[in-house]
Amino acid sequence: MTLSNEIQTFLVSQIEYYTKEAKSYKEMASEYNIDDNLAHDTAFGIIIGCIYSSFLQTFTNQNSVPNSQDMEDFTEIIIKNSKKIKESIITEDNQKLEQE
């Protein structure tokens, strides 16, 4: 992986933040979708988009742009964490079912 440790650590912190805040992104997505499954997918897309935007911003702050290897590394980190992100979105629904 060619991404600096600083950027890798930053991405992990962003993933942690957005998984903790998944409920609010699911609620936002639900406002635009009637189907609950679509809301899950939309929330996932919003979260990935936010993380991607933060990733690009780190390069902009350094007056740089990510190269193709940086993009591959970003994709690899997202793929490794996609299950965690998806579960954070669905967990709220499971907690509601358990309470009923």
N, C-alpha and C. Protein backbone atom coordinates (compact mmCIF):
# COMPACT_ATOMS: atom_id res chain seq x y z
N MET A 1 0.86 -1.18 0.00
CA MET A 1 0.00 0.00 0.00
C MET A 1 0.90 1.24 0.00
N THR A 2 0.60 2.15 -0.90
CA THR A 2 1.44 3.33 -1.03
C THR A 2 0.91 4.55 -0.27
N LEU A 3 -0.32 4.47 0.22
CA LEU A 3 -0.86 5.58 1.00
C LEU A 3 -0.03 5.76 2.27
N SER A 4 0.22 7.00 2.63
CA SER A 4 0.98 7.25 3.85
C SER A 4 0.20 6.72 5.06
N ASN A 5 0.93 6.43 6.13
CA ASN A 5 0.29 5.98 7.35
C ASN A 5 -0.70 7.02 7.86
N GLU A 6 -0.37 8.28 7.67
CA GLU A 6 -1.24 9.36 8.11
C GLU A 6 -2.59 9.31 7.39
N ILE A 7 -2.57 9.12 6.09
CA ILE A 7 -3.82 9.05 5.33
C ILE A 7 -4.58 7.77 5.65
N GLN A 8 -3.88 6.66 5.81
CA GLN A 8 -4.54 5.41 6.18
C GLN A 8 -5.24 5.55 7.54
N THR A 9 -4.54 6.14 8.49
CA THR A 9 -5.12 6.35 9.82
C THR A 9 -6.32 7.28 9.74
N PHE A 10 -6.21 8.32 8.92
CA PHE A 10 -7.31 9.24 8.74
C PHE A 10 -8.53 8.53 8.16
N LEU A 11 -8.33 7.69 7.15
CA LEU A 11 -9.44 6.96 6.55
C LEU A 11 -10.10 6.03 7.56
N VAL A 12 -9.31 5.35 8.36
CA VAL A 12 -9.87 4.47 9.38
C VAL A 12 -10.70 5.28 10.38
N SER A 13 -10.20 6.46 10.74
CA SER A 13 -10.96 7.30 11.68
C SER A 13 -12.27 7.78 11.05
N GLN A 14 -12.24 8.06 9.76
CA GLN A 14 -13.46 8.46 9.06
C GLN A 14 -14.47 7.31 9.02
N ILE A 15 -13.99 6.12 8.76
CA ILE A 15 -14.86 4.94 8.75
C ILE A 15 -15.48 4.75 10.13
N GLU A 16 -14.68 4.89 11.17
CA GLU A 16 -15.19 4.76 12.54
C GLU A 16 -16.27 5.81 12.81
N TYR A 17 -16.00 7.04 12.44
CA TYR A 17 -16.96 8.12 12.66
C TYR A 17 -18.29 7.83 11.96
N TYR A 18 -18.22 7.51 10.69
CA TYR A 18 -19.45 7.32 9.91
C TYR A 18 -20.21 6.06 10.32
N THR A 19 -19.52 5.03 10.79
CA THR A 19 -20.25 3.86 11.27
C THR A 19 -20.97 4.18 12.57
N LYS A 20 -20.38 5.03 13.39
CA LYS A 20 -21.05 5.43 14.64
C LYS A 20 -22.25 6.33 14.36
N GLU A 21 -22.20 7.06 13.26
CA GLU A 21 -23.28 7.98 12.89
C GLU A 21 -24.22 7.41 11.83
N ALA A 22 -24.13 6.11 11.59
CA ALA A 22 -24.90 5.48 10.51
C ALA A 22 -26.40 5.70 10.65
N LYS A 23 -26.89 5.75 11.88
CA LYS A 23 -28.33 5.93 12.09
C LYS A 23 -28.81 7.22 11.44
N SER A 24 -28.07 8.29 11.60
CA SER A 24 -28.51 9.57 11.03
C SER A 24 -28.48 9.54 9.50
N TYR A 25 -27.53 8.82 8.92
CA TYR A 25 -27.46 8.71 7.47
C TYR A 25 -28.57 7.80 6.94
N LYS A 26 -28.93 6.79 7.71
CA LYS A 26 -30.06 5.92 7.35
C LYS A 26 -31.35 6.73 7.40
N GLU A 27 -31.51 7.57 8.41
CA GLU A 27 -32.71 8.41 8.50
C GLU A 27 -32.78 9.37 7.33
N MET A 28 -31.64 9.96 6.97
CA MET A 28 -31.59 10.86 5.82
C MET A 28 -31.99 10.11 4.55
N ALA A 29 -31.45 8.93 4.37
CA ALA A 29 -31.75 8.13 3.18
C ALA A 29 -33.22 7.71 3.16
N SER A 30 -33.79 7.44 4.33
CA SER A 30 -35.20 7.04 4.41
C SER A 30 -36.13 8.15 3.94
N GLU A 31 -35.70 9.38 4.09
CA GLU A 31 -36.50 10.51 3.63
C GLU A 31 -36.68 10.49 2.11
N TYR A 32 -35.74 9.86 1.41
CA TYR A 32 -35.77 9.84 -0.05
C TYR A 32 -36.23 8.52 -0.63
N ASN A 33 -36.39 7.50 0.21
CA ASN A 33 -36.75 6.17 -0.27
C ASN A 33 -37.93 5.61 0.52
N ILE A 34 -38.86 5.01 -0.17
CA ILE A 34 -39.97 4.35 0.50
C ILE A 34 -39.54 2.95 0.92
N ASP A 35 -38.81 2.27 0.08
CA ASP A 35 -38.35 0.90 0.33
C ASP A 35 -37.17 0.93 1.30
N ASP A 36 -37.28 0.19 2.40
CA ASP A 36 -36.24 0.17 3.42
C ASP A 36 -34.91 -0.35 2.89
N ASN A 37 -34.95 -1.35 1.98
CA ASN A 37 -33.71 -1.86 1.42
C ASN A 37 -32.99 -0.80 0.60
N LEU A 38 -33.76 0.01 -0.11
CA LEU A 38 -33.15 1.10 -0.87
C LEU A 38 -32.54 2.13 0.07
N ALA A 39 -33.17 2.35 1.21
CA ALA A 39 -32.63 3.30 2.19
C ALA A 39 -31.28 2.81 2.71
N HIS A 40 -31.15 1.50 2.92
CA HIS A 40 -29.85 0.94 3.36
C HIS A 40 -28.79 1.22 2.31
N ASP A 41 -29.12 0.93 1.06
CA ASP A 41 -28.16 1.13 -0.03
C ASP A 41 -27.81 2.61 -0.20
N THR A 42 -28.81 3.46 -0.07
CA THR A 42 -28.59 4.89 -0.20
C THR A 42 -27.70 5.39 0.93
N ALA A 43 -27.96 4.96 2.15
CA ALA A 43 -27.14 5.35 3.30
C ALA A 43 -25.70 4.89 3.10
N PHE A 44 -25.53 3.67 2.60
CA PHE A 44 -24.18 3.16 2.33
C PHE A 44 -23.48 4.07 1.31
N GLY A 45 -24.19 4.43 0.26
CA GLY A 45 -23.61 5.30 -0.76
C GLY A 45 -23.25 6.68 -0.22
N ILE A 46 -24.11 7.23 0.62
CA ILE A 46 -23.83 8.54 1.22
C ILE A 46 -22.57 8.46 2.08
N ILE A 47 -22.48 7.42 2.90
CA ILE A 47 -21.32 7.26 3.78
C ILE A 47 -20.04 7.10 2.97
N ILE A 48 -20.07 6.25 1.96
CA ILE A 48 -18.87 6.06 1.12
C ILE A 48 -18.51 7.38 0.43
N GLY A 49 -19.51 8.11 -0.04
CA GLY A 49 -19.26 9.40 -0.68
C GLY A 49 -18.61 10.39 0.27
N CYS A 50 -19.06 10.41 1.51
CA CYS A 50 -18.47 11.31 2.51
C CYS A 50 -17.02 10.94 2.79
N ILE A 51 -16.76 9.65 2.93
CA ILE A 51 -15.39 9.19 3.18
C ILE A 51 -14.50 9.52 1.98
N TYR A 52 -15.03 9.31 0.78
CA TYR A 52 -14.28 9.62 -0.44
C TYR A 52 -13.97 11.12 -0.52
N SER A 53 -14.95 11.93 -0.20
CA SER A 53 -14.74 13.38 -0.22
C SER A 53 -13.65 13.78 0.76
N SER A 54 -13.65 13.19 1.93
CA SER A 54 -12.61 13.47 2.93
C SER A 54 -11.24 13.02 2.43
N PHE A 55 -11.23 11.87 1.78
CA PHE A 55 -9.98 11.35 1.20
C PHE A 55 -9.41 12.34 0.18
N LEU A 56 -10.26 12.80 -0.72
CA LEU A 56 -9.80 13.77 -1.73
C LEU A 56 -9.35 15.08 -1.08
N GLN A 57 -10.05 15.49 -0.02
CA GLN A 57 -9.71 16.74 0.65
C GLN A 57 -8.32 16.68 1.27
N THR A 58 -7.90 15.51 1.74
CA THR A 58 -6.56 15.39 2.32
C THR A 58 -5.49 15.70 1.27
N PHE A 59 -5.74 15.29 0.05
CA PHE A 59 -4.79 15.58 -1.03
C PHE A 59 -4.84 17.06 -1.40
N THR A 60 -6.05 17.61 -1.47
CA THR A 60 -6.20 19.03 -1.79
C THR A 60 -5.48 19.88 -0.76
N ASN A 61 -5.58 19.51 0.51
CA ASN A 61 -4.90 20.26 1.57
C ASN A 61 -3.39 20.22 1.42
N GLN A 62 -2.89 19.22 0.74
CA GLN A 62 -1.45 19.08 0.50
C GLN A 62 -1.06 19.55 -0.90
N ASN A 63 -1.98 20.25 -1.56
CA ASN A 63 -1.77 20.71 -2.93
C ASN A 63 -1.33 19.57 -3.84
N SER A 64 -2.05 18.47 -3.75
CA SER A 64 -1.73 17.27 -4.51
C SER A 64 -3.02 16.65 -5.02
N VAL A 65 -2.87 15.62 -5.83
CA VAL A 65 -4.01 14.83 -6.29
C VAL A 65 -3.65 13.35 -6.15
N PRO A 66 -4.62 12.51 -5.84
CA PRO A 66 -4.31 11.08 -5.71
C PRO A 66 -4.00 10.48 -7.08
N ASN A 67 -3.01 9.60 -7.10
CA ASN A 67 -2.70 8.90 -8.34
C ASN A 67 -3.49 7.59 -8.38
N SER A 68 -3.32 6.82 -9.43
CA SER A 68 -4.11 5.59 -9.59
C SER A 68 -3.83 4.59 -8.47
N GLN A 69 -2.61 4.53 -7.98
CA GLN A 69 -2.30 3.61 -6.88
C GLN A 69 -2.99 4.06 -5.59
N ASP A 70 -3.02 5.37 -5.36
CA ASP A 70 -3.73 5.90 -4.19
C ASP A 70 -5.21 5.52 -4.25
N MET A 71 -5.78 5.62 -5.44
CA MET A 71 -7.19 5.28 -5.62
C MET A 71 -7.43 3.79 -5.38
N GLU A 72 -6.51 2.96 -5.86
CA GLU A 72 -6.62 1.51 -5.62
C GLU A 72 -6.53 1.21 -4.13
N ASP A 73 -5.62 1.90 -3.43
CA ASP A 73 -5.48 1.70 -1.99
C ASP A 73 -6.74 2.14 -1.25
N PHE A 74 -7.31 3.27 -1.67
CA PHE A 74 -8.56 3.74 -1.07
C PHE A 74 -9.65 2.69 -1.26
N THR A 75 -9.78 2.20 -2.48
CA THR A 75 -10.79 1.19 -2.79
C THR A 75 -10.59 -0.06 -1.94
N GLU A 76 -9.36 -0.48 -1.77
CA GLU A 76 -9.05 -1.66 -0.96
C GLU A 76 -9.49 -1.45 0.49
N ILE A 77 -9.23 -0.28 1.04
CA ILE A 77 -9.63 0.02 2.42
C ILE A 77 -11.16 0.01 2.54
N ILE A 78 -11.84 0.59 1.57
CA ILE A 78 -13.31 0.61 1.60
C ILE A 78 -13.86 -0.81 1.49
N ILE A 79 -13.33 -1.61 0.59
CA ILE A 79 -13.79 -2.99 0.43
C ILE A 79 -13.60 -3.77 1.72
N LYS A 80 -12.43 -3.60 2.36
CA LYS A 80 -12.17 -4.31 3.62
C LYS A 80 -13.14 -3.90 4.72
N ASN A 81 -13.66 -2.69 4.65
CA ASN A 81 -14.53 -2.17 5.70
C ASN A 81 -16.00 -2.10 5.29
N SER A 82 -16.33 -2.53 4.10
CA SER A 82 -17.71 -2.39 3.62
C SER A 82 -18.70 -3.19 4.47
N LYS A 83 -18.31 -4.37 4.92
CA LYS A 83 -19.21 -5.17 5.75
C LYS A 83 -19.49 -4.43 7.06
N LYS A 84 -18.47 -3.86 7.65
CA LYS A 84 -18.64 -3.11 8.90
C LYS A 84 -19.58 -1.92 8.69
N ILE A 85 -19.41 -1.22 7.59
CA ILE A 85 -20.26 -0.06 7.30
C ILE A 85 -21.70 -0.51 7.10
N LYS A 86 -21.90 -1.55 6.30
CA LYS A 86 -23.25 -2.06 6.05
C LYS A 86 -23.92 -2.52 7.34
N GLU A 87 -23.17 -3.23 8.17
CA GLU A 87 -23.73 -3.72 9.44
C GLU A 87 -24.11 -2.56 10.35
N SER A 88 -23.35 -1.48 10.32
CA SER A 88 -23.68 -0.34 11.17
C SER A 88 -25.00 0.30 10.75
N ILE A 89 -25.31 0.22 9.48
CA ILE A 89 -26.57 0.77 8.96
C ILE A 89 -27.73 -0.14 9.35
N ILE A 90 -27.53 -1.43 9.29
CA ILE A 90 -28.58 -2.40 9.55
C ILE A 90 -28.79 -2.63 11.05
N THR A 91 -27.78 -2.43 11.85
CA THR A 91 -27.85 -2.70 13.29
C THR A 91 -29.02 -2.00 13.94
N GLU A 92 -29.27 -0.77 13.59
CA GLU A 92 -30.38 -0.01 14.17
C GLU A 92 -31.70 -0.73 13.93
N ASP A 93 -31.89 -1.27 12.75
CA ASP A 93 -33.14 -2.00 12.44
C ASP A 93 -33.25 -3.26 13.31
N ASN A 94 -32.14 -3.96 13.48
CA ASN A 94 -32.15 -5.18 14.29
C ASN A 94 -32.45 -4.88 15.75
N GLN A 95 -31.94 -3.76 16.26
CA GLN A 95 -32.22 -3.37 17.63
C GLN A 95 -33.70 -3.07 17.82
N LYS A 96 -34.31 -2.43 16.84
CA LYS A 96 -35.75 -2.13 16.91
C LYS A 96 -36.56 -3.42 16.96
N LEU A 97 -36.19 -4.40 16.13
CA LEU A 97 -36.91 -5.67 16.09
C LEU A 97 -36.79 -6.40 17.42
N GLU A 98 -35.61 -6.35 18.04
CA GLU A 98 -35.40 -7.03 19.31
C GLU A 98 -36.23 -6.40 20.43
N GLN A 99 -36.47 -5.10 20.34
CA GLN A 99 -37.22 -4.40 21.37
C GLN A 99 -38.72 -4.65 21.24
N GLU A 100 -39.18 -5.03 20.06
CA GLU A 100 -40.62 -5.23 19.84
C GLU A 100 -41.11 -6.54 20.37
